């Protein structure tokens, strides 16, 4: 069975969402936009993200061509992840969706404020 990330018979939005689905990938993409990060840095910046899940998400993102993994030949071992050009393209494409999401949250906050005022 072909996974949705590789299925050519789906709409483009479905193919894109399949690459970033999951709880942490969009957050990791957002963090990596600022430059390379070591895995421990990413874990510190994302409360609740376990090492196992971080490793799995980064491996999937690497397999999808979104991130580059660089291992330095030093002791102790040092690994950094950064966005590839393809990953930066995705981050740029998601920017309008992010803007829409923020507008939605503001709208929800406004509706909650109106409900609170009406209940008072």
PDB file of N, CA and C in Angstrom:
ATOM      1  N   UNK A   1       0.835  -1.183   0.000  1.00  0.00           N
ATOM      2  CA  UNK A   1       0.000   0.000   0.000  1.00  0.00           C
ATOM      3  C   UNK A   1       0.881   1.247   0.000  1.00  0.00           C
ATOM      4  N   UNK A   2       0.577   2.204  -0.850  1.00  0.00           N
ATOM      5  CA  UNK A   2       1.331   3.449  -0.950  1.00  0.00           C
ATOM      6  C   UNK A   2       0.876   4.410   0.133  1.00  0.00           C
ATOM      7  N   UNK A   3       1.822   4.968   0.859  1.00  0.00           N
ATOM      8  CA  UNK A   3       1.498   5.964   1.868  1.00  0.00           C
ATOM      9  C   UNK A   3       1.094   7.252   1.168  1.00  0.00           C
ATOM     10  N   UNK A   4       0.197   8.010   1.785  1.00  0.00           N
ATOM     11  CA  UNK A   4      -0.290   9.257   1.182  1.00  0.00           C
ATOM     12  C   UNK A   4       0.841  10.214   0.820  1.00  0.00           C
ATOM     13  N   UNK A   5       1.959  10.170   1.537  1.00  0.00           N
ATOM     14  CA  UNK A   5       3.073  11.069   1.237  1.00  0.00           C
ATOM     15  C   UNK A   5       3.677  10.771  -0.122  1.00  0.00           C
ATOM     16  N   UNK A   6       3.451   9.556  -0.634  1.00  0.00           N
ATOM     17  CA  UNK A   6       4.046   9.138  -1.902  1.00  0.00           C
ATOM     18  C   UNK A   6       3.015   8.822  -2.974  1.00  0.00           C
ATOM     19  N   UNK A   7       1.740   8.956  -2.639  1.00  0.00           N
ATOM     20  CA  UNK A   7       0.666   8.622  -3.576  1.00  0.00           C
ATOM     21  C   UNK A   7       0.481   9.773  -4.565  1.00  0.00           C
ATOM     22  N   UNK A   8       0.678   9.503  -5.830  1.00  0.00           N
ATOM     23  CA  UNK A   8       0.546  10.533  -6.863  1.00  0.00           C
ATOM     24  C   UNK A   8      -0.903  10.760  -7.269  1.00  0.00           C
ATOM     25  N   UNK A   9      -1.810   9.964  -6.740  1.00  0.00           N
ATOM     26  CA  UNK A   9      -3.220  10.070  -7.116  1.00  0.00           C
ATOM     27  C   UNK A   9      -4.055  10.778  -6.061  1.00  0.00           C
ATOM     28  N   UNK A  10      -3.468  11.746  -5.378  1.00  0.00           N
ATOM     29  CA  UNK A  10      -4.206  12.559  -4.410  1.00  0.00           C
ATOM     30  C   UNK A  10      -4.051  14.024  -4.818  1.00  0.00           C
ATOM     31  N   UNK A  11      -4.903  14.875  -4.271  1.00  0.00           N
ATOM     32  CA  UNK A  11      -4.770  16.294  -4.595  1.00  0.00           C
ATOM     33  C   UNK A  11      -3.495  16.838  -3.946  1.00  0.00           C
ATOM     34  N   UNK A  12      -2.993  17.939  -4.469  1.00  0.00           N
ATOM     35  CA  UNK A  12      -1.746  18.519  -3.980  1.00  0.00           C
ATOM     36  C   UNK A  12      -1.791  18.904  -2.518  1.00  0.00           C
ATOM     37  N   UNK A  13      -2.925  19.416  -2.053  1.00  0.00           N
ATOM     38  CA  UNK A  13      -3.043  19.807  -0.641  1.00  0.00           C
ATOM     39  C   UNK A  13      -2.929  18.572   0.240  1.00  0.00           C
ATOM     40  N   UNK A  14      -3.571  17.491  -0.148  1.00  0.00           N
ATOM     41  CA  UNK A  14      -3.490  16.248   0.619  1.00  0.00           C
ATOM     42  C   UNK A  14      -2.046  15.753   0.673  1.00  0.00           C
ATOM     43  N   UNK A  15      -1.345  15.833  -0.461  1.00  0.00           N
ATOM     44  CA  UNK A  15       0.056  15.401  -0.497  1.00  0.00           C
ATOM     45  C   UNK A  15       0.923  16.256   0.417  1.00  0.00           C
ATOM     46  N   UNK A  16       0.648  17.564   0.440  1.00  0.00           N
ATOM     47  CA  UNK A  16       1.425  18.467   1.299  1.00  0.00           C
ATOM     48  C   UNK A  16       1.119  18.224   2.772  1.00  0.00           C
ATOM     49  N   UNK A  17      -0.157  18.087   3.097  1.00  0.00           N
ATOM     50  CA  UNK A  17      -0.553  17.861   4.488  1.00  0.00           C
ATOM     51  C   UNK A  17       0.001  16.527   4.994  1.00  0.00           C
ATOM     52  N   UNK A  18       0.061  15.531   4.130  1.00  0.00           N
ATOM     53  CA  UNK A  18       0.594  14.227   4.536  1.00  0.00           C
ATOM     54  C   UNK A  18       2.050  14.336   4.980  1.00  0.00           C
ATOM     55  N   UNK A  19       2.795  15.265   4.412  1.00  0.00           N
ATOM     56  CA  UNK A  19       4.208  15.438   4.766  1.00  0.00           C
ATOM     57  C   UNK A  19       4.359  16.120   6.122  1.00  0.00           C
ATOM     58  N   UNK A  20       3.402  16.966   6.502  1.00  0.00           N
ATOM     59  CA  UNK A  20       3.522  17.709   7.765  1.00  0.00           C
ATOM     60  C   UNK A  20       2.545  17.240   8.830  1.00  0.00           C
ATOM     61  N   UNK A  21       1.811  16.144   8.528  1.00  0.00           N
ATOM     62  CA  UNK A  21       0.844  15.687   9.521  1.00  0.00           C
ATOM     63  C   UNK A  21       1.556  15.204  10.776  1.00  0.00           C
ATOM     64  N   UNK A  22       0.840  15.250  11.854  1.00  0.00           N
ATOM     65  CA  UNK A  22       1.405  14.880  13.141  1.00  0.00           C
ATOM     66  C   UNK A  22       1.468  16.103  14.031  1.00  0.00           C
ATOM     67  N   UNK A  23       1.715  15.860  15.263  1.00  0.00           N
ATOM     68  CA  UNK A  23       1.656  16.921  16.276  1.00  0.00           C
ATOM     69  C   UNK A  23       2.842  17.881  16.223  1.00  0.00           C
ATOM     70  N   UNK A  24       4.011  17.429  15.777  1.00  0.00           N
ATOM     71  CA  UNK A  24       5.226  18.215  15.982  1.00  0.00           C
ATOM     72  C   UNK A  24       5.890  18.750  14.717  1.00  0.00           C
ATOM     73  N   UNK A  25       5.578  18.238  13.562  1.00  0.00           N
ATOM     74  CA  UNK A  25       6.346  18.593  12.363  1.00  0.00           C
ATOM     75  C   UNK A  25       6.250  20.067  11.999  1.00  0.00           C
ATOM     76  N   UNK A  26       5.073  20.667  12.120  1.00  0.00           N
ATOM     77  CA  UNK A  26       4.979  22.089  11.779  1.00  0.00           C
ATOM     78  C   UNK A  26       5.767  22.937  12.769  1.00  0.00           C
ATOM     79  N   UNK A  27       5.771  22.542  14.029  1.00  0.00           N
ATOM     80  CA  UNK A  27       6.560  23.264  15.032  1.00  0.00           C
ATOM     81  C   UNK A  27       8.051  23.132  14.730  1.00  0.00           C
ATOM     82  N   UNK A  28       8.486  21.936  14.373  1.00  0.00           N
ATOM     83  CA  UNK A  28       9.892  21.728  14.036  1.00  0.00           C
ATOM     84  C   UNK A  28      10.274  22.526  12.789  1.00  0.00           C
ATOM     85  N   UNK A  29       9.399  22.526  11.810  1.00  0.00           N
ATOM     86  CA  UNK A  29       9.636  23.301  10.593  1.00  0.00           C
ATOM     87  C   UNK A  29       9.795  24.775  10.941  1.00  0.00           C
ATOM     88  N   UNK A  30       8.919  25.286  11.783  1.00  0.00           N
ATOM     89  CA  UNK A  30       8.953  26.683  12.207  1.00  0.00           C
ATOM     90  C   UNK A  30      10.266  26.998  12.953  1.00  0.00           C
ATOM     91  N   UNK A  31      10.670  26.117  13.869  1.00  0.00           N
ATOM     92  CA  UNK A  31      11.911  26.344  14.615  1.00  0.00           C
ATOM     93  C   UNK A  31      13.136  26.308  13.703  1.00  0.00           C
ATOM     94  N   UNK A  32      13.142  25.384  12.760  1.00  0.00           N
ATOM     95  CA  UNK A  32      14.299  25.243  11.871  1.00  0.00           C
ATOM     96  C   UNK A  32      14.401  26.371  10.853  1.00  0.00           C
ATOM     97  N   UNK A  33      13.332  27.143  10.684  1.00  0.00           N
ATOM     98  CA  UNK A  33      13.397  28.309   9.789  1.00  0.00           C
ATOM     99  C   UNK A  33      14.445  29.313  10.269  1.00  0.00           C
ATOM    100  N   UNK A  34      14.694  29.354  11.569  1.00  0.00           N
ATOM    101  CA  UNK A  34      15.650  30.319  12.119  1.00  0.00           C
ATOM    102  C   UNK A  34      17.096  29.865  11.971  1.00  0.00           C
ATOM    103  N   UNK A  35      17.319  28.637  11.513  1.00  0.00           N
ATOM    104  CA  UNK A  35      18.674  28.140  11.316  1.00  0.00           C
ATOM    105  C   UNK A  35      18.846  26.752  11.891  1.00  0.00           C
ATOM    106  N   UNK A  36      20.060  26.201  11.751  1.00  0.00           N
ATOM    107  CA  UNK A  36      20.322  24.836  12.229  1.00  0.00           C
ATOM    108  C   UNK A  36      20.138  24.714  13.739  1.00  0.00           C
ATOM    109  N   UNK A  37      19.651  23.557  14.155  1.00  0.00           N
ATOM    110  CA  UNK A  37      19.471  23.264  15.576  1.00  0.00           C
ATOM    111  C   UNK A  37      19.940  21.848  15.857  1.00  0.00           C
ATOM    112  N   UNK A  38      20.483  21.680  17.052  1.00  0.00           N
ATOM    113  CA  UNK A  38      20.817  20.345  17.531  1.00  0.00           C
ATOM    114  C   UNK A  38      19.553  19.729  18.120  1.00  0.00           C
ATOM    115  N   UNK A  39      19.457  18.401  18.103  1.00  0.00           N
ATOM    116  CA  UNK A  39      18.252  17.750  18.635  1.00  0.00           C
ATOM    117  C   UNK A  39      17.918  18.165  20.072  1.00  0.00           C
ATOM    118  N   UNK A  40      18.919  18.285  20.927  1.00  0.00           N
ATOM    119  CA  UNK A  40      18.659  18.674  22.316  1.00  0.00           C
ATOM    120  C   UNK A  40      18.063  20.078  22.399  1.00  0.00           C
ATOM    121  N   UNK A  41      18.508  20.976  21.515  1.00  0.00           N
ATOM    122  CA  UNK A  41      17.940  22.325  21.479  1.00  0.00           C
ATOM    123  C   UNK A  41      16.466  22.270  21.107  1.00  0.00           C
ATOM    124  N   UNK A  42      16.149  21.452  20.117  1.00  0.00           N
ATOM    125  CA  UNK A  42      14.757  21.329  19.682  1.00  0.00           C
ATOM    126  C   UNK A  42      13.892  20.776  20.807  1.00  0.00           C
ATOM    127  N   UNK A  43      14.388  19.772  21.508  1.00  0.00           N
ATOM    128  CA  UNK A  43      13.622  19.195  22.627  1.00  0.00           C
ATOM    129  C   UNK A  43      13.382  20.217  23.720  1.00  0.00           C
ATOM    130  N   UNK A  44      14.381  21.039  24.023  1.00  0.00           N
ATOM    131  CA  UNK A  44      14.215  22.069  25.059  1.00  0.00           C
ATOM    132  C   UNK A  44      13.174  23.107  24.660  1.00  0.00           C
ATOM    133  N   UNK A  45      13.105  23.394  23.373  1.00  0.00           N
ATOM    134  CA  UNK A  45      12.193  24.445  22.902  1.00  0.00           C
ATOM    135  C   UNK A  45      10.767  23.954  22.698  1.00  0.00           C
ATOM    136  N   UNK A  46      10.569  22.630  22.748  1.00  0.00           N
ATOM    137  CA  UNK A  46       9.235  22.068  22.527  1.00  0.00           C
ATOM    138  C   UNK A  46       8.868  21.177  23.715  1.00  0.00           C
ATOM    139  N   UNK A  47       8.267  21.762  24.749  1.00  0.00           N
ATOM    140  CA  UNK A  47       7.878  20.967  25.913  1.00  0.00           C
ATOM    141  C   UNK A  47       6.933  19.837  25.520  1.00  0.00           C
ATOM    142  N   UNK A  48       7.180  18.665  26.089  1.00  0.00           N
ATOM    143  CA  UNK A  48       6.330  17.514  25.819  1.00  0.00           C
ATOM    144  C   UNK A  48       6.803  16.643  24.666  1.00  0.00           C
ATOM    145  N   UNK A  49       7.779  17.105  23.917  1.00  0.00           N
ATOM    146  CA  UNK A  49       8.312  16.338  22.789  1.00  0.00           C
ATOM    147  C   UNK A  49       9.375  15.376  23.309  1.00  0.00           C
ATOM    148  N   UNK A  50       9.126  14.090  23.151  1.00  0.00           N
ATOM    149  CA  UNK A  50      10.082  13.097  23.627  1.00  0.00           C
ATOM    150  C   UNK A  50      11.193  12.898  22.602  1.00  0.00           C
ATOM    151  N   UNK A  51      12.297  12.358  23.064  1.00  0.00           N
ATOM    152  CA  UNK A  51      13.434  12.098  22.174  1.00  0.00           C
ATOM    153  C   UNK A  51      13.045  11.117  21.062  1.00  0.00           C
ATOM    154  N   UNK A  52      12.281  10.094  21.422  1.00  0.00           N
ATOM    155  CA  UNK A  52      11.859   9.089  20.442  1.00  0.00           C
ATOM    156  C   UNK A  52      11.002   9.725  19.341  1.00  0.00           C
ATOM    157  N   UNK A  53      10.032  10.524  19.723  1.00  0.00           N
ATOM    158  CA  UNK A  53       9.135  11.152  18.751  1.00  0.00           C
ATOM    159  C   UNK A  53       9.887  12.187  17.923  1.00  0.00           C
ATOM    160  N   UNK A  54      10.794  12.936  18.561  1.00  0.00           N
ATOM    161  CA  UNK A  54      11.616  13.907  17.832  1.00  0.00           C
ATOM    162  C   UNK A  54      12.444  13.200  16.767  1.00  0.00           C
ATOM    163  N   UNK A  55      13.097  12.129  17.148  1.00  0.00           N
ATOM    164  CA  UNK A  55      13.927  11.367  16.203  1.00  0.00           C
ATOM    165  C   UNK A  55      13.089  10.859  15.040  1.00  0.00           C
ATOM    166  N   UNK A  56      11.916  10.320  15.342  1.00  0.00           N
ATOM    167  CA  UNK A  56      11.036   9.801  14.297  1.00  0.00           C
ATOM    168  C   UNK A  56      10.589  10.916  13.354  1.00  0.00           C
ATOM    169  N   UNK A  57      10.184  12.052  13.900  1.00  0.00           N
ATOM    170  CA  UNK A  57       9.719  13.163  13.069  1.00  0.00           C
ATOM    171  C   UNK A  57      10.852  13.689  12.190  1.00  0.00           C
ATOM    172  N   UNK A  58      12.046  13.857  12.763  1.00  0.00           N
ATOM    173  CA  UNK A  58      13.174  14.364  11.978  1.00  0.00           C
ATOM    174  C   UNK A  58      13.579  13.382  10.884  1.00  0.00           C
ATOM    175  N   UNK A  59      13.528  12.092  11.179  1.00  0.00           N
ATOM    176  CA  UNK A  59      13.847  11.086  10.148  1.00  0.00           C
ATOM    177  C   UNK A  59      12.852  11.138   9.001  1.00  0.00           C
ATOM    178  N   UNK A  60      11.567  11.268   9.336  1.00  0.00           N
ATOM    179  CA  UNK A  60      10.548  11.370   8.291  1.00  0.00           C
ATOM    180  C   UNK A  60      10.733  12.646   7.473  1.00  0.00           C
ATOM    181  N   UNK A  61      11.020  13.753   8.155  1.00  0.00           N
ATOM    182  CA  UNK A  61      11.229  15.021   7.463  1.00  0.00           C
ATOM    183  C   UNK A  61      12.474  14.954   6.574  1.00  0.00           C
ATOM    184  N   UNK A  62      13.495  14.239   7.039  1.00  0.00           N
ATOM    185  CA  UNK A  62      14.700  14.055   6.220  1.00  0.00           C
ATOM    186  C   UNK A  62      14.377  13.194   4.996  1.00  0.00           C
ATOM    187  N   UNK A  63      13.625  12.121   5.200  1.00  0.00           N
ATOM    188  CA  UNK A  63      13.250  11.238   4.087  1.00  0.00           C
ATOM    189  C   UNK A  63      12.396  11.971   3.055  1.00  0.00           C
ATOM    190  N   UNK A  64      11.611  12.949   3.511  1.00  0.00           N
ATOM    191  CA  UNK A  64      10.768  13.729   2.606  1.00  0.00           C
ATOM    192  C   UNK A  64      11.506  14.907   1.983  1.00  0.00           C
ATOM    193  N   UNK A  65      12.791  15.057   2.314  1.00  0.00           N
ATOM    194  CA  UNK A  65      13.604  16.106   1.713  1.00  0.00           C
ATOM    195  C   UNK A  65      13.410  17.484   2.322  1.00  0.00           C
ATOM    196  N   UNK A  66      12.828  17.540   3.527  1.00  0.00           N
ATOM    197  CA  UNK A  66      12.577  18.828   4.175  1.00  0.00           C
ATOM    198  C   UNK A  66      13.736  19.301   5.034  1.00  0.00           C
ATOM    199  N   UNK A  67      14.437  18.366   5.649  1.00  0.00           N
ATOM    200  CA  UNK A  67      15.551  18.722   6.518  1.00  0.00           C
ATOM    201  C   UNK A  67      16.814  17.972   6.107  1.00  0.00           C
ATOM    202  N   UNK A  68      17.911  18.596   6.449  1.00  0.00           N
ATOM    203  CA  UNK A  68      19.225  18.002   6.211  1.00  0.00           C
ATOM    204  C   UNK A  68      19.832  17.683   7.563  1.00  0.00           C
ATOM    205  N   UNK A  69      20.383  16.502   7.702  1.00  0.00           N
ATOM    206  CA  UNK A  69      21.043  16.068   8.939  1.00  0.00           C
ATOM    207  C   UNK A  69      22.538  16.122   8.698  1.00  0.00           C
ATOM    208  N   UNK A  70      23.228  16.867   9.555  1.00  0.00           N
ATOM    209  CA  UNK A  70      24.678  16.982   9.423  1.00  0.00           C
ATOM    210  C   UNK A  70      25.325  16.468  10.706  1.00  0.00           C
ATOM    211  N   UNK A  71      26.206  15.485  10.540  1.00  0.00           N
ATOM    212  CA  UNK A  71      26.913  14.902  11.676  1.00  0.00           C
ATOM    213  C   UNK A  71      28.357  15.362  11.607  1.00  0.00           C
ATOM    214  N   UNK A  72      28.823  15.977  12.684  1.00  0.00           N
ATOM    215  CA  UNK A  72      30.199  16.465  12.763  1.00  0.00           C
ATOM    216  C   UNK A  72      31.078  15.394  13.387  1.00  0.00           C
ATOM    217  N   UNK A  73      32.286  15.255  12.883  1.00  0.00           N
ATOM    218  CA  UNK A  73      33.228  14.251  13.369  1.00  0.00           C
ATOM    219  C   UNK A  73      34.022  14.824  14.540  1.00  0.00           C
ATOM    220  N   UNK A  74      33.324  14.977  15.675  1.00  0.00           N
ATOM    221  CA  UNK A  74      33.940  15.503  16.895  1.00  0.00           C
ATOM    222  C   UNK A  74      33.491  14.648  18.076  1.00  0.00           C
ATOM    223  N   UNK A  75      34.183  14.807  19.177  1.00  0.00           N
ATOM    224  CA  UNK A  75      33.791  14.144  20.415  1.00  0.00           C
ATOM    225  C   UNK A  75      33.459  15.213  21.439  1.00  0.00           C
ATOM    226  N   UNK A  76      32.337  15.142  22.085  1.00  0.00           N
ATOM    227  CA  UNK A  76      31.253  14.195  21.852  1.00  0.00           C
ATOM    228  C   UNK A  76      30.609  14.454  20.493  1.00  0.00           C
ATOM    229  N   UNK A  77      29.910  13.448  19.956  1.00  0.00           N
ATOM    230  CA  UNK A  77      29.293  13.596  18.639  1.00  0.00           C
ATOM    231  C   UNK A  77      28.338  14.792  18.600  1.00  0.00           C
ATOM    232  N   UNK A  78      28.333  15.459  17.464  1.00  0.00           N
ATOM    233  CA  UNK A  78      27.466  16.628  17.290  1.00  0.00           C
ATOM    234  C   UNK A  78      26.660  16.439  16.009  1.00  0.00           C
ATOM    235  N   UNK A  79      25.337  16.592  16.138  1.00  0.00           N
ATOM    236  CA  UNK A  79      24.438  16.487  14.992  1.00  0.00           C
ATOM    237  C   UNK A  79      23.591  17.747  14.936  1.00  0.00           C
ATOM    238  N   UNK A  80      23.408  18.282  13.739  1.00  0.00           N
ATOM    239  CA  UNK A  80      22.546  19.438  13.537  1.00  0.00           C
ATOM    240  C   UNK A  80      21.561  19.151  12.416  1.00  0.00           C
ATOM    241  N   UNK A  81      20.388  19.720  12.573  1.00  0.00           N
ATOM    242  CA  UNK A  81      19.367  19.636  11.527  1.00  0.00           C
ATOM    243  C   UNK A  81      19.088  21.032  11.011  1.00  0.00           C
ATOM    244  N   UNK A  82      18.902  21.135   9.705  1.00  0.00           N
ATOM    245  CA  UNK A  82      18.562  22.422   9.092  1.00  0.00           C
ATOM    246  C   UNK A  82      17.577  22.161   7.961  1.00  0.00           C
ATOM    247  N   UNK A  83      16.876  23.213   7.564  1.00  0.00           N
ATOM    248  CA  UNK A  83      15.944  23.072   6.450  1.00  0.00           C
ATOM    249  C   UNK A  83      16.704  23.015   5.138  1.00  0.00           C
ATOM    250  N   UNK A  84      16.220  22.189   4.251  1.00  0.00           N
ATOM    251  CA  UNK A  84      16.730  22.169   2.879  1.00  0.00           C
ATOM    252  C   UNK A  84      16.006  23.280   2.111  1.00  0.00           C
ATOM    253  N   UNK A  85      16.403  23.521   0.889  1.00  0.00           N
ATOM    254  CA  UNK A  85      15.692  24.489   0.054  1.00  0.00           C
ATOM    255  C   UNK A  85      14.236  24.061  -0.117  1.00  0.00           C
ATOM    256  N   UNK A  86      14.015  22.761  -0.251  1.00  0.00           N
ATOM    257  CA  UNK A  86      12.662  22.227  -0.390  1.00  0.00           C
ATOM    258  C   UNK A  86      11.848  22.482   0.886  1.00  0.00           C
ATOM    259  N   UNK A  87      12.498  22.330   2.040  1.00  0.00           N
ATOM    260  CA  UNK A  87      11.846  22.606   3.325  1.00  0.00           C
ATOM    261  C   UNK A  87      11.516  24.079   3.477  1.00  0.00           C
ATOM    262  N   UNK A  88      12.427  24.958   3.019  1.00  0.00           N
ATOM    263  CA  UNK A  88      12.157  26.407   3.063  1.00  0.00           C
ATOM    264  C   UNK A  88      10.995  26.757   2.142  1.00  0.00           C
ATOM    265  N   UNK A  89      10.916  26.082   0.983  1.00  0.00           N
ATOM    266  CA  UNK A  89       9.776  26.285   0.079  1.00  0.00           C
ATOM    267  C   UNK A  89       8.467  25.939   0.787  1.00  0.00           C
ATOM    268  N   UNK A  90       8.459  24.826   1.515  1.00  0.00           N
ATOM    269  CA  UNK A  90       7.256  24.428   2.236  1.00  0.00           C
ATOM    270  C   UNK A  90       6.921  25.441   3.322  1.00  0.00           C
ATOM    271  N   UNK A  91       7.917  25.884   4.071  1.00  0.00           N
ATOM    272  CA  UNK A  91       7.681  26.875   5.126  1.00  0.00           C
ATOM    273  C   UNK A  91       7.085  28.152   4.534  1.00  0.00           C
ATOM    274  N   UNK A  92       7.596  28.556   3.390  1.00  0.00           N
ATOM    275  CA  UNK A  92       7.071  29.752   2.726  1.00  0.00           C
ATOM    276  C   UNK A  92       5.627  29.524   2.260  1.00  0.00           C
ATOM    277  N   UNK A  93       5.353  28.352   1.745  1.00  0.00           N
ATOM    278  CA  UNK A  93       3.998  28.037   1.297  1.00  0.00           C
ATOM    279  C   UNK A  93       3.019  27.998   2.467  1.00  0.00           C
ATOM    280  N   UNK A  94       3.492  27.605   3.651  1.00  0.00           N
ATOM    281  CA  UNK A  94       2.624  27.522   4.823  1.00  0.00           C
ATOM    282  C   UNK A  94       2.389  28.873   5.486  1.00  0.00           C
ATOM    283  N   UNK A  95       3.176  29.867   5.147  1.00  0.00           N
ATOM    284  CA  UNK A  95       3.058  31.177   5.784  1.00  0.00           C
ATOM    285  C   UNK A  95       1.649  31.769   5.682  1.00  0.00           C
ATOM    286  N   UNK A  96       1.011  31.775   4.503  1.00  0.00           N
ATOM    287  CA  UNK A  96      -0.368  32.292   4.452  1.00  0.00           C
ATOM    288  C   UNK A  96      -1.346  31.463   5.297  1.00  0.00           C
ATOM    289  N   UNK A  97      -1.129  30.162   5.382  1.00  0.00           N
ATOM    290  CA  UNK A  97      -1.979  29.322   6.221  1.00  0.00           C
ATOM    291  C   UNK A  97      -1.790  29.694   7.690  1.00  0.00           C
ATOM    292  N   UNK A  98      -0.554  29.971   8.082  1.00  0.00           N
ATOM    293  CA  UNK A  98      -0.269  30.416   9.438  1.00  0.00           C
ATOM    294  C   UNK A  98      -0.976  31.734   9.735  1.00  0.00           C
ATOM    295  N   UNK A  99      -0.910  32.655   8.791  1.00  0.00           N
ATOM    296  CA  UNK A  99      -1.602  33.937   8.965  1.00  0.00           C
ATOM    297  C   UNK A  99      -3.097  33.719   9.154  1.00  0.00           C
ATOM    298  N   UNK A 100      -3.675  32.848   8.330  1.00  0.00           N
ATOM    299  CA  UNK A 100      -5.098  32.534   8.444  1.00  0.00           C
ATOM    300  C   UNK A 100      -5.403  31.945   9.824  1.00  0.00           C
ATOM    301  N   UNK A 101      -4.539  31.051  10.296  1.00  0.00           N
ATOM    302  CA  UNK A 101      -4.727  30.439  11.611  1.00  0.00           C
ATOM    303  C   UNK A 101      -4.713  31.467  12.727  1.00  0.00           C
ATOM    304  N   UNK A 102      -3.803  32.437  12.647  1.00  0.00           N
ATOM    305  CA  UNK A 102      -3.759  33.496  13.665  1.00  0.00           C
ATOM    306  C   UNK A 102      -5.025  34.347  13.621  1.00  0.00           C
ATOM    307  N   UNK A 103      -5.510  34.652  12.410  1.00  0.00           N
ATOM    308  CA  UNK A 103      -6.767  35.413  12.293  1.00  0.00           C
ATOM    309  C   UNK A 103      -7.928  34.624  12.893  1.00  0.00           C
ATOM    310  N   UNK A 104      -7.929  33.321  12.674  1.00  0.00           N
ATOM    311  CA  UNK A 104      -8.978  32.475  13.250  1.00  0.00           C
ATOM    312  C   UNK A 104      -8.929  32.508  14.768  1.00  0.00           C
ATOM    313  N   UNK A 105      -7.735  32.413  15.336  1.00  0.00           N
ATOM    314  CA  UNK A 105      -7.606  32.455  16.792  1.00  0.00           C
ATOM    315  C   UNK A 105      -8.069  33.800  17.353  1.00  0.00           C
ATOM    316  N   UNK A 106      -7.743  34.891  16.660  1.00  0.00           N
ATOM    317  CA  UNK A 106      -8.208  36.217  17.087  1.00  0.00           C
ATOM    318  C   UNK A 106      -9.733  36.288  17.025  1.00  0.00           C
ATOM    319  N   UNK A 107     -10.304  35.718  15.987  1.00  0.00           N
ATOM    320  CA  UNK A 107     -11.757  35.699  15.829  1.00  0.00           C
ATOM    321  C   UNK A 107     -12.408  34.911  16.957  1.00  0.00           C
ATOM    322  N   UNK A 108     -11.827  33.749  17.286  1.00  0.00           N
ATOM    323  CA  UNK A 108     -12.358  32.950  18.389  1.00  0.00           C
ATOM    324  C   UNK A 108     -12.254  33.695  19.716  1.00  0.00           C
ATOM    325  N   UNK A 109     -11.132  34.377  19.929  1.00  0.00           N
ATOM    326  CA  UNK A 109     -10.955  35.146  21.160  1.00  0.00           C
ATOM    327  C   UNK A 109     -11.988  36.267  21.232  1.00  0.00           C
ATOM    328  N   UNK A 110     -12.257  36.912  20.102  1.00  0.00           N
ATOM    329  CA  UNK A 110     -13.276  37.964  20.060  1.00  0.00           C
ATOM    330  C   UNK A 110     -14.655  37.424  20.375  1.00  0.00           C
ATOM    331  N   UNK A 111     -14.969  36.244  19.846  1.00  0.00           N
ATOM    332  CA  UNK A 111     -16.270  35.623  20.110  1.00  0.00           C
ATOM    333  C   UNK A 111     -16.399  35.239  21.579  1.00  0.00           C
ATOM    334  N   UNK A 112     -15.313  34.740  22.170  1.00  0.00           N
ATOM    335  CA  UNK A 112     -15.348  34.387  23.595  1.00  0.00           C
ATOM    336  C   UNK A 112     -15.544  35.628  24.450  1.00  0.00           C
ATOM    337  N   UNK A 113     -14.872  36.726  24.094  1.00  0.00           N
ATOM    338  CA  UNK A 113     -15.022  37.979  24.841  1.00  0.00           C
ATOM    339  C   UNK A 113     -16.453  38.475  24.757  1.00  0.00           C
ATOM    340  N   UNK A 114     -17.065  38.371  23.565  1.00  0.00           N
ATOM    341  CA  UNK A 114     -18.449  38.808  23.401  1.00  0.00           C
ATOM    342  C   UNK A 114     -19.387  37.944  24.237  1.00  0.00           C
ATOM    343  N   UNK A 115     -19.136  36.643  24.295  1.00  0.00           N
ATOM    344  CA  UNK A 115     -19.970  35.751  25.105  1.00  0.00           C
ATOM    345  C   UNK A 115     -19.848  36.095  26.583  1.00  0.00           C
ATOM    346  N   UNK A 116     -18.639  36.393  27.030  1.00  0.00           N
ATOM    347  CA  UNK A 116     -18.419  36.745  28.451  1.00  0.00           C
ATOM    348  C   UNK A 116     -19.143  38.042  28.778  1.00  0.00           C
ATOM    349  N   UNK A 117     -19.053  39.044  27.876  1.00  0.00           N
ATOM    350  CA  UNK A 117     -19.724  40.317  28.110  1.00  0.00           C
ATOM    351  C   UNK A 117     -21.238  40.126  28.149  1.00  0.00           C
ATOM    352  N   UNK A 118     -21.747  39.275  27.250  1.00  0.00           N
ATOM    353  CA  UNK A 118     -23.188  39.038  27.194  1.00  0.00           C
ATOM    354  C   UNK A 118     -23.687  38.314  28.448  1.00  0.00           C
ATOM    355  N   UNK A 119     -22.845  37.457  29.006  1.00  0.00           N
ATOM    356  CA  UNK A 119     -23.236  36.699  30.199  1.00  0.00           C
ATOM    357  C   UNK A 119     -23.187  37.559  31.459  1.00  0.00           C
ATOM    358  N   UNK A 120     -22.466  38.682  31.433  1.00  0.00           N
ATOM    359  CA  UNK A 120     -22.308  39.521  32.626  1.00  0.00           C
ATOM    360  C   UNK A 120     -23.526  40.353  32.889  1.00  0.00           C
TER     361      UNK A 120
END
